[in-house]
N, C-alpha and C. Protein backbone atom coordinates (compact mmCIF):
# COMPACT_ATOMS: atom_id res chain seq x y z
N MET A 1 -4.36 11.79 15.39
CA MET A 1 -5.06 11.64 14.14
C MET A 1 -5.82 12.91 13.79
N GLY A 2 -6.28 13.59 14.80
CA GLY A 2 -6.99 14.84 14.56
C GLY A 2 -6.12 15.85 13.85
N ARG A 3 -4.84 15.89 14.19
CA ARG A 3 -3.89 16.81 13.57
C ARG A 3 -3.75 16.55 12.08
N LEU A 4 -4.02 15.29 11.67
CA LEU A 4 -3.92 14.91 10.26
C LEU A 4 -5.22 15.13 9.51
N GLY A 5 -6.27 15.58 10.22
CA GLY A 5 -7.55 15.82 9.57
C GLY A 5 -8.46 14.60 9.55
N VAL A 6 -8.15 13.58 10.35
CA VAL A 6 -8.98 12.38 10.41
C VAL A 6 -10.26 12.71 11.18
N ASN A 7 -11.42 12.30 10.63
CA ASN A 7 -12.69 12.67 11.27
C ASN A 7 -12.87 11.98 12.62
N PHE A 8 -13.77 12.53 13.42
CA PHE A 8 -13.98 12.10 14.81
C PHE A 8 -14.32 10.62 14.92
N VAL A 9 -15.25 10.14 14.10
CA VAL A 9 -15.70 8.74 14.19
C VAL A 9 -14.54 7.79 13.89
N THR A 10 -13.77 8.09 12.85
CA THR A 10 -12.63 7.24 12.49
C THR A 10 -11.58 7.26 13.59
N ARG A 11 -11.35 8.42 14.20
CA ARG A 11 -10.38 8.51 15.30
C ARG A 11 -10.81 7.64 16.47
N LYS A 12 -12.09 7.73 16.84
CA LYS A 12 -12.58 6.93 17.97
C LYS A 12 -12.47 5.44 17.67
N ALA A 13 -12.84 5.03 16.46
CA ALA A 13 -12.74 3.61 16.09
C ALA A 13 -11.28 3.17 16.11
N GLY A 14 -10.40 3.98 15.55
CA GLY A 14 -8.97 3.65 15.51
C GLY A 14 -8.35 3.52 16.88
N ASN A 15 -8.79 4.35 17.81
CA ASN A 15 -8.22 4.31 19.16
C ASN A 15 -8.64 3.08 19.96
N THR A 16 -9.72 2.42 19.56
CA THR A 16 -10.17 1.24 20.29
C THR A 16 -9.63 -0.06 19.69
N MET A 17 -9.04 0.02 18.51
CA MET A 17 -8.54 -1.17 17.82
C MET A 17 -7.23 -1.66 18.43
N LYS A 18 -7.06 -2.96 18.37
CA LYS A 18 -5.80 -3.59 18.77
C LYS A 18 -5.31 -4.37 17.55
N PRO A 19 -4.66 -3.67 16.61
CA PRO A 19 -4.28 -4.32 15.35
C PRO A 19 -3.12 -5.30 15.52
N THR A 20 -3.05 -6.21 14.57
CA THR A 20 -1.91 -7.11 14.44
C THR A 20 -1.06 -6.59 13.29
N MET A 21 0.23 -6.38 13.53
CA MET A 21 1.13 -5.90 12.49
C MET A 21 2.02 -7.06 12.06
N THR A 22 2.09 -7.28 10.75
CA THR A 22 2.94 -8.32 10.20
C THR A 22 3.93 -7.67 9.24
N ILE A 23 5.22 -7.92 9.47
CA ILE A 23 6.26 -7.40 8.59
C ILE A 23 7.01 -8.60 8.03
N THR A 24 7.05 -8.69 6.70
CA THR A 24 7.77 -9.78 6.06
C THR A 24 8.82 -9.22 5.11
N LYS A 25 9.86 -10.01 4.88
CA LYS A 25 10.95 -9.58 4.00
C LYS A 25 11.34 -10.75 3.10
N GLU A 26 11.41 -10.46 1.79
CA GLU A 26 11.92 -11.42 0.81
C GLU A 26 12.96 -10.70 -0.01
N GLY A 27 14.22 -11.06 0.18
CA GLY A 27 15.30 -10.33 -0.50
C GLY A 27 15.33 -8.90 0.00
N ASP A 28 15.22 -7.94 -0.93
CA ASP A 28 15.20 -6.53 -0.54
C ASP A 28 13.79 -5.95 -0.57
N HIS A 29 12.79 -6.81 -0.64
CA HIS A 29 11.39 -6.42 -0.74
C HIS A 29 10.69 -6.66 0.60
N TYR A 30 10.02 -5.64 1.12
CA TYR A 30 9.30 -5.74 2.40
C TYR A 30 7.80 -5.62 2.16
N LYS A 31 7.04 -6.22 3.06
CA LYS A 31 5.59 -6.07 3.07
C LYS A 31 5.17 -5.85 4.51
N MET A 32 4.33 -4.83 4.73
CA MET A 32 3.84 -4.51 6.07
C MET A 32 2.31 -4.50 6.02
N VAL A 33 1.68 -5.31 6.89
CA VAL A 33 0.23 -5.40 6.93
C VAL A 33 -0.24 -5.17 8.36
N SER A 34 -1.24 -4.32 8.52
CA SER A 34 -1.88 -4.07 9.81
C SER A 34 -3.33 -4.51 9.69
N SER A 35 -3.74 -5.45 10.55
CA SER A 35 -5.11 -5.94 10.46
C SER A 35 -5.79 -5.88 11.82
N SER A 36 -7.09 -5.57 11.77
CA SER A 36 -7.92 -5.53 12.97
C SER A 36 -9.32 -5.94 12.57
N THR A 37 -10.23 -5.97 13.53
CA THR A 37 -11.61 -6.30 13.21
C THR A 37 -12.27 -5.19 12.40
N PHE A 38 -11.68 -3.99 12.42
CA PHE A 38 -12.23 -2.83 11.71
C PHE A 38 -11.74 -2.76 10.28
N LYS A 39 -10.44 -3.01 10.06
CA LYS A 39 -9.87 -2.80 8.74
C LYS A 39 -8.53 -3.51 8.62
N THR A 40 -8.18 -3.91 7.40
CA THR A 40 -6.86 -4.44 7.09
C THR A 40 -6.24 -3.57 6.02
N THR A 41 -5.03 -3.09 6.28
CA THR A 41 -4.32 -2.26 5.31
C THR A 41 -2.89 -2.77 5.19
N GLY A 42 -2.25 -2.43 4.10
CA GLY A 42 -0.87 -2.84 3.94
C GLY A 42 -0.22 -2.16 2.76
N PHE A 43 1.09 -2.34 2.69
CA PHE A 43 1.85 -1.80 1.57
C PHE A 43 3.14 -2.58 1.42
N GLU A 44 3.73 -2.47 0.23
CA GLU A 44 4.99 -3.12 -0.08
C GLU A 44 6.00 -2.06 -0.46
N PHE A 45 7.28 -2.33 -0.14
CA PHE A 45 8.29 -1.31 -0.40
C PHE A 45 9.69 -1.90 -0.43
N LYS A 46 10.62 -1.11 -0.94
CA LYS A 46 12.05 -1.38 -0.85
C LYS A 46 12.65 -0.23 -0.07
N LEU A 47 13.61 -0.53 0.80
CA LEU A 47 14.23 0.51 1.62
C LEU A 47 14.82 1.61 0.75
N GLY A 48 14.54 2.86 1.15
CA GLY A 48 15.10 4.02 0.49
C GLY A 48 14.41 4.44 -0.79
N GLU A 49 13.40 3.69 -1.24
CA GLU A 49 12.69 4.03 -2.47
C GLU A 49 11.31 4.59 -2.15
N PRO A 50 11.01 5.82 -2.62
CA PRO A 50 9.68 6.39 -2.38
C PRO A 50 8.59 5.54 -3.04
N PHE A 51 7.43 5.47 -2.38
CA PHE A 51 6.28 4.75 -2.93
C PHE A 51 5.01 5.47 -2.50
N THR A 52 3.95 5.25 -3.27
CA THR A 52 2.65 5.85 -2.96
C THR A 52 1.90 4.92 -2.02
N GLU A 53 1.34 5.51 -0.97
CA GLU A 53 0.64 4.73 0.06
C GLU A 53 -0.72 5.36 0.34
N THR A 54 -1.71 4.51 0.53
CA THR A 54 -3.00 4.97 1.04
C THR A 54 -3.03 4.59 2.51
N THR A 55 -3.11 5.59 3.39
CA THR A 55 -3.08 5.35 4.83
C THR A 55 -4.40 4.71 5.28
N PRO A 56 -4.44 4.12 6.48
CA PRO A 56 -5.68 3.50 6.96
C PRO A 56 -6.88 4.44 6.97
N ASP A 57 -6.63 5.76 7.12
CA ASP A 57 -7.74 6.71 7.12
C ASP A 57 -8.02 7.27 5.73
N GLY A 58 -7.37 6.74 4.69
CA GLY A 58 -7.70 7.10 3.32
C GLY A 58 -6.86 8.20 2.69
N ARG A 59 -5.89 8.75 3.42
CA ARG A 59 -5.04 9.80 2.83
C ARG A 59 -4.06 9.18 1.85
N LYS A 60 -3.75 9.90 0.76
CA LYS A 60 -2.73 9.48 -0.19
C LYS A 60 -1.45 10.21 0.16
N VAL A 61 -0.38 9.46 0.40
CA VAL A 61 0.90 10.05 0.77
C VAL A 61 2.02 9.37 -0.02
N THR A 62 3.16 10.04 -0.06
CA THR A 62 4.37 9.43 -0.60
C THR A 62 5.25 9.08 0.59
N SER A 63 5.60 7.80 0.71
CA SER A 63 6.39 7.32 1.84
C SER A 63 7.76 6.86 1.38
N THR A 64 8.73 7.04 2.27
CA THR A 64 10.06 6.48 2.09
C THR A 64 10.46 5.87 3.43
N ILE A 65 10.95 4.63 3.39
CA ILE A 65 11.33 3.92 4.60
C ILE A 65 12.81 3.57 4.53
N THR A 66 13.52 3.84 5.62
CA THR A 66 14.94 3.50 5.72
C THR A 66 15.17 2.74 7.02
N MET A 67 16.31 2.06 7.11
CA MET A 67 16.71 1.37 8.34
C MET A 67 17.86 2.13 8.96
N VAL A 68 17.75 2.39 10.26
CA VAL A 68 18.82 3.02 11.04
C VAL A 68 19.02 2.13 12.26
N GLY A 69 20.03 1.26 12.23
CA GLY A 69 20.23 0.30 13.32
C GLY A 69 19.03 -0.64 13.40
N ASN A 70 18.40 -0.71 14.58
CA ASN A 70 17.22 -1.56 14.76
C ASN A 70 15.92 -0.79 14.56
N MET A 71 16.01 0.39 13.94
CA MET A 71 14.83 1.24 13.74
C MET A 71 14.50 1.34 12.25
N MET A 72 13.21 1.11 11.94
CA MET A 72 12.69 1.34 10.60
C MET A 72 12.05 2.72 10.64
N LYS A 73 12.57 3.65 9.85
CA LYS A 73 12.09 5.03 9.87
C LYS A 73 11.31 5.32 8.59
N GLN A 74 10.07 5.76 8.75
CA GLN A 74 9.19 6.06 7.63
C GLN A 74 8.82 7.53 7.64
N ILE A 75 8.97 8.17 6.50
CA ILE A 75 8.53 9.56 6.32
C ILE A 75 7.38 9.54 5.33
N GLN A 76 6.21 10.02 5.76
CA GLN A 76 5.03 10.15 4.90
C GLN A 76 4.87 11.62 4.55
N VAL A 77 4.82 11.92 3.26
CA VAL A 77 4.64 13.29 2.82
C VAL A 77 3.29 13.39 2.10
N GLY A 78 2.43 14.26 2.63
CA GLY A 78 1.12 14.52 2.06
C GLY A 78 0.77 15.95 2.40
N ASP A 79 -0.49 16.20 2.79
CA ASP A 79 -0.86 17.54 3.26
C ASP A 79 0.00 17.93 4.46
N LYS A 80 0.33 16.95 5.28
CA LYS A 80 1.24 17.14 6.41
C LYS A 80 2.31 16.06 6.31
N THR A 81 3.46 16.31 6.91
CA THR A 81 4.52 15.32 6.94
C THR A 81 4.46 14.57 8.27
N THR A 82 4.49 13.25 8.18
CA THR A 82 4.44 12.39 9.36
C THR A 82 5.71 11.55 9.41
N GLU A 83 6.30 11.45 10.59
CA GLU A 83 7.47 10.60 10.79
C GLU A 83 7.06 9.43 11.68
N ILE A 84 7.34 8.21 11.22
CA ILE A 84 7.00 7.01 11.98
C ILE A 84 8.27 6.21 12.22
N GLU A 85 8.56 5.93 13.48
CA GLU A 85 9.72 5.11 13.83
C GLU A 85 9.21 3.81 14.42
N ARG A 86 9.73 2.70 13.92
CA ARG A 86 9.40 1.38 14.47
C ARG A 86 10.70 0.79 14.98
N ARG A 87 10.78 0.60 16.31
CA ARG A 87 12.00 0.10 16.94
C ARG A 87 11.76 -1.26 17.57
N VAL A 88 12.65 -2.19 17.27
CA VAL A 88 12.60 -3.50 17.91
C VAL A 88 13.21 -3.36 19.29
N GLU A 89 12.44 -3.72 20.31
CA GLU A 89 12.90 -3.65 21.70
C GLU A 89 12.52 -4.97 22.37
N GLY A 90 13.46 -5.92 22.38
CA GLY A 90 13.18 -7.22 22.97
C GLY A 90 12.13 -7.96 22.18
N ASP A 91 11.01 -8.32 22.83
CA ASP A 91 9.97 -9.09 22.17
C ASP A 91 8.82 -8.21 21.66
N HIS A 92 9.08 -6.92 21.49
CA HIS A 92 8.03 -6.07 20.94
C HIS A 92 8.61 -4.99 20.03
N ILE A 93 7.71 -4.36 19.28
CA ILE A 93 8.07 -3.23 18.43
C ILE A 93 7.37 -2.00 18.99
N ARG A 94 8.12 -0.97 19.25
CA ARG A 94 7.56 0.30 19.69
C ARG A 94 7.44 1.19 18.46
N THR A 95 6.23 1.68 18.21
CA THR A 95 5.97 2.57 17.08
C THR A 95 5.77 3.97 17.63
N ILE A 96 6.56 4.91 17.13
CA ILE A 96 6.47 6.31 17.56
C ILE A 96 6.09 7.13 16.34
N VAL A 97 5.00 7.89 16.46
CA VAL A 97 4.50 8.70 15.35
C VAL A 97 4.60 10.17 15.73
N LYS A 98 5.17 10.97 14.82
CA LYS A 98 5.33 12.41 15.07
C LYS A 98 4.68 13.20 13.94
N VAL A 99 3.81 14.13 14.34
CA VAL A 99 3.18 15.07 13.41
C VAL A 99 3.26 16.44 14.06
N ASP A 100 3.81 17.40 13.33
CA ASP A 100 4.04 18.72 13.90
C ASP A 100 4.79 18.55 15.23
N GLU A 101 4.29 19.12 16.30
CA GLU A 101 4.97 19.01 17.60
C GLU A 101 4.39 17.87 18.46
N LEU A 102 3.46 17.10 17.91
CA LEU A 102 2.82 16.02 18.67
C LEU A 102 3.53 14.69 18.44
N THR A 103 3.62 13.89 19.50
CA THR A 103 4.22 12.56 19.42
C THR A 103 3.30 11.58 20.14
N CYS A 104 3.09 10.42 19.53
CA CYS A 104 2.33 9.35 20.20
C CYS A 104 3.06 8.04 19.96
N HIS A 105 2.70 7.01 20.71
CA HIS A 105 3.33 5.72 20.50
C HIS A 105 2.33 4.58 20.67
N ARG A 106 2.68 3.45 20.07
CA ARG A 106 1.89 2.23 20.21
C ARG A 106 2.88 1.08 20.22
N ASP A 107 2.66 0.11 21.10
CA ASP A 107 3.54 -1.04 21.21
C ASP A 107 2.87 -2.28 20.63
N PHE A 108 3.65 -3.08 19.92
CA PHE A 108 3.19 -4.35 19.37
C PHE A 108 4.04 -5.45 19.98
N LYS A 109 3.40 -6.46 20.57
CA LYS A 109 4.12 -7.58 21.19
C LYS A 109 4.25 -8.72 20.18
N LYS A 110 5.43 -9.32 20.13
CA LYS A 110 5.68 -10.43 19.22
C LYS A 110 4.86 -11.64 19.66
N VAL A 111 4.18 -12.26 18.70
CA VAL A 111 3.39 -13.47 19.00
C VAL A 111 3.88 -14.64 18.19
């Protein structure tokens, strides 16, 4: 998050959160919501169509999400470009985030 210009306090708060991610689909319309005790954020989209997104840390970006097999790939374009891959692996989703040469991941377990 530091690489994206997120301030220290927000980074520390974000690193302690254990958010719940909900992904729903109706026809070709998707909705993704991430909620925690700190903040709830979300966005709606159609695969392959760019949309404007406000990230949890308040940045305005243009995102495009595509499906590649069992992976949902999101490209966020703003001051920096961020690549987010969400892969279904058994009973969880592995989220891999890449900014510049840095890569991090977070796992979400199906409940």
